[in-house]
């Protein structure tokens, strides 16, 4: 499956548009990660615990989108867009949504 943020695929011709496909994943941040991130915030630096959570969540959302595209008979997804957000009353949930257009490319 070809995945791209561009609206075309170099060296390929899009022969059919199958529709918009999406993948959404919402994950709760747990206390341990919050404590580690708070410490990192005090001393500076990157929060590896949050970064790995975002990567995992993004990969899961991409996998959902790919599965949806395959069910439509597509072999590629073009014009992929990512959206990240923090939701919940206390901002304790992280959301990653990904969408694109499922196509057949030859």
Protein backbone atom coordinates (compact mmCIF):
# COMPACT_ATOMS: atom_id res chain seq x y z
CA UNK A 1 0.00 0.00 0.00
CA UNK A 2 1.41 3.36 -1.05
CA UNK A 3 0.78 6.19 1.42
CA UNK A 4 1.58 9.81 0.54
CA UNK A 5 0.70 13.32 1.63
CA UNK A 6 0.81 14.48 -2.00
CA UNK A 7 -2.18 14.31 -4.35
CA UNK A 8 -0.29 12.26 -6.94
CA UNK A 9 2.19 9.40 -6.97
CA UNK A 10 5.34 9.93 -9.01
CA UNK A 11 5.63 7.32 -11.76
CA UNK A 12 2.08 6.06 -11.20
CA UNK A 13 -1.25 6.93 -12.77
CA UNK A 14 -4.36 7.07 -10.60
CA UNK A 15 -7.05 5.07 -12.39
CA UNK A 16 -9.84 5.07 -9.80
CA UNK A 17 -10.87 7.07 -6.77
CA UNK A 18 -12.46 4.88 -4.10
CA UNK A 19 -13.35 7.52 -1.51
CA UNK A 20 -12.21 9.21 1.65
CA UNK A 21 -10.71 6.97 4.31
CA UNK A 22 -9.95 7.78 7.93
CA UNK A 23 -8.36 6.38 11.03
CA UNK A 24 -8.90 7.80 14.50
CA UNK A 25 -7.32 6.75 17.76
CA UNK A 26 -7.84 8.31 21.18
CA UNK A 27 -5.58 7.24 24.00
CA UNK A 28 -5.50 8.21 27.65
CA UNK A 29 -2.27 9.47 29.14
CA UNK A 30 -1.56 7.71 32.41
CA UNK A 31 -0.18 9.08 35.64
CA UNK A 32 3.34 7.68 35.17
CA UNK A 33 3.79 9.46 31.86
CA UNK A 34 2.35 12.66 33.32
CA UNK A 35 4.85 12.58 36.18
CA UNK A 36 7.78 11.95 33.82
CA UNK A 37 6.61 14.69 31.45
CA UNK A 38 6.22 17.10 34.38
CA UNK A 39 9.79 16.40 35.47
CA UNK A 40 11.04 16.92 31.91
CA UNK A 41 9.11 20.19 31.80
CA UNK A 42 10.95 21.39 34.93
CA UNK A 43 14.47 20.50 33.79
CA UNK A 44 13.99 20.86 30.04
CA UNK A 45 14.42 18.37 27.24
CA UNK A 46 12.21 16.03 25.29
CA UNK A 47 9.51 13.83 26.77
CA UNK A 48 10.30 10.37 25.39
CA UNK A 49 7.26 8.86 27.10
CA UNK A 50 4.84 11.22 25.32
CA UNK A 51 6.75 11.00 22.04
CA UNK A 52 6.48 7.21 22.01
CA UNK A 53 2.77 7.43 22.85
CA UNK A 54 2.19 9.82 19.96
CA UNK A 55 4.16 7.56 17.57
CA UNK A 56 2.17 4.50 18.67
CA UNK A 57 -1.13 6.32 18.34
CA UNK A 58 -0.20 7.69 14.90
CA UNK A 59 0.82 4.22 13.69
CA UNK A 60 -2.48 2.76 14.92
CA UNK A 61 -4.47 5.49 13.14
CA UNK A 62 -2.52 4.86 9.91
CA UNK A 63 -3.20 1.13 10.19
CA UNK A 64 -6.95 1.79 10.57
CA UNK A 65 -6.92 4.04 7.50
CA UNK A 66 -4.99 1.46 5.44
CA UNK A 67 -7.45 -1.29 6.43
CA UNK A 68 -10.36 0.90 5.36
CA UNK A 69 -8.65 1.63 2.00
CA UNK A 70 -7.97 -2.07 1.37
CA UNK A 71 -11.63 -2.90 2.03
CA UNK A 72 -12.53 -0.44 -0.74
CA UNK A 73 -10.13 -2.17 -3.15
CA UNK A 74 -7.51 0.60 -3.12
CA UNK A 75 -3.77 0.06 -3.35
CA UNK A 76 -2.79 3.58 -2.30
CA UNK A 77 -3.93 6.54 -0.22
CA UNK A 78 -3.10 10.05 -1.38
CA UNK A 79 -3.47 13.52 0.14
CA UNK A 80 -3.02 12.18 3.67
CA UNK A 81 -3.56 14.68 6.46
CA UNK A 82 -2.75 14.23 10.13
CA UNK A 83 -4.55 15.96 12.98
CA UNK A 84 -3.41 15.84 16.60
CA UNK A 85 -5.32 17.08 19.62
CA UNK A 86 -5.73 16.90 23.36
CA UNK A 87 -9.26 16.27 24.55
CA UNK A 88 -11.14 15.56 27.76
CA UNK A 89 -12.01 17.83 30.65
CA UNK A 90 -8.52 17.75 32.08
CA UNK A 91 -6.73 17.31 28.76
CA UNK A 92 -5.81 13.76 29.71
CA UNK A 93 -6.71 12.17 26.37
CA UNK A 94 -4.67 12.40 23.18
CA UNK A 95 -6.28 12.07 19.75
CA UNK A 96 -4.66 11.33 16.42
CA UNK A 97 -6.82 11.39 13.29
CA UNK A 98 -5.57 10.67 9.80
CA UNK A 99 -7.49 10.94 6.55
CA UNK A 100 -6.85 10.70 2.84
CA UNK A 101 -8.27 9.57 -0.48
CA UNK A 102 -8.18 5.86 -1.30
CA UNK A 103 -7.17 5.27 -4.93
CA UNK A 104 -6.11 2.61 -7.38
CA UNK A 105 -2.73 3.46 -8.89
CA UNK A 106 -1.02 1.66 -11.78
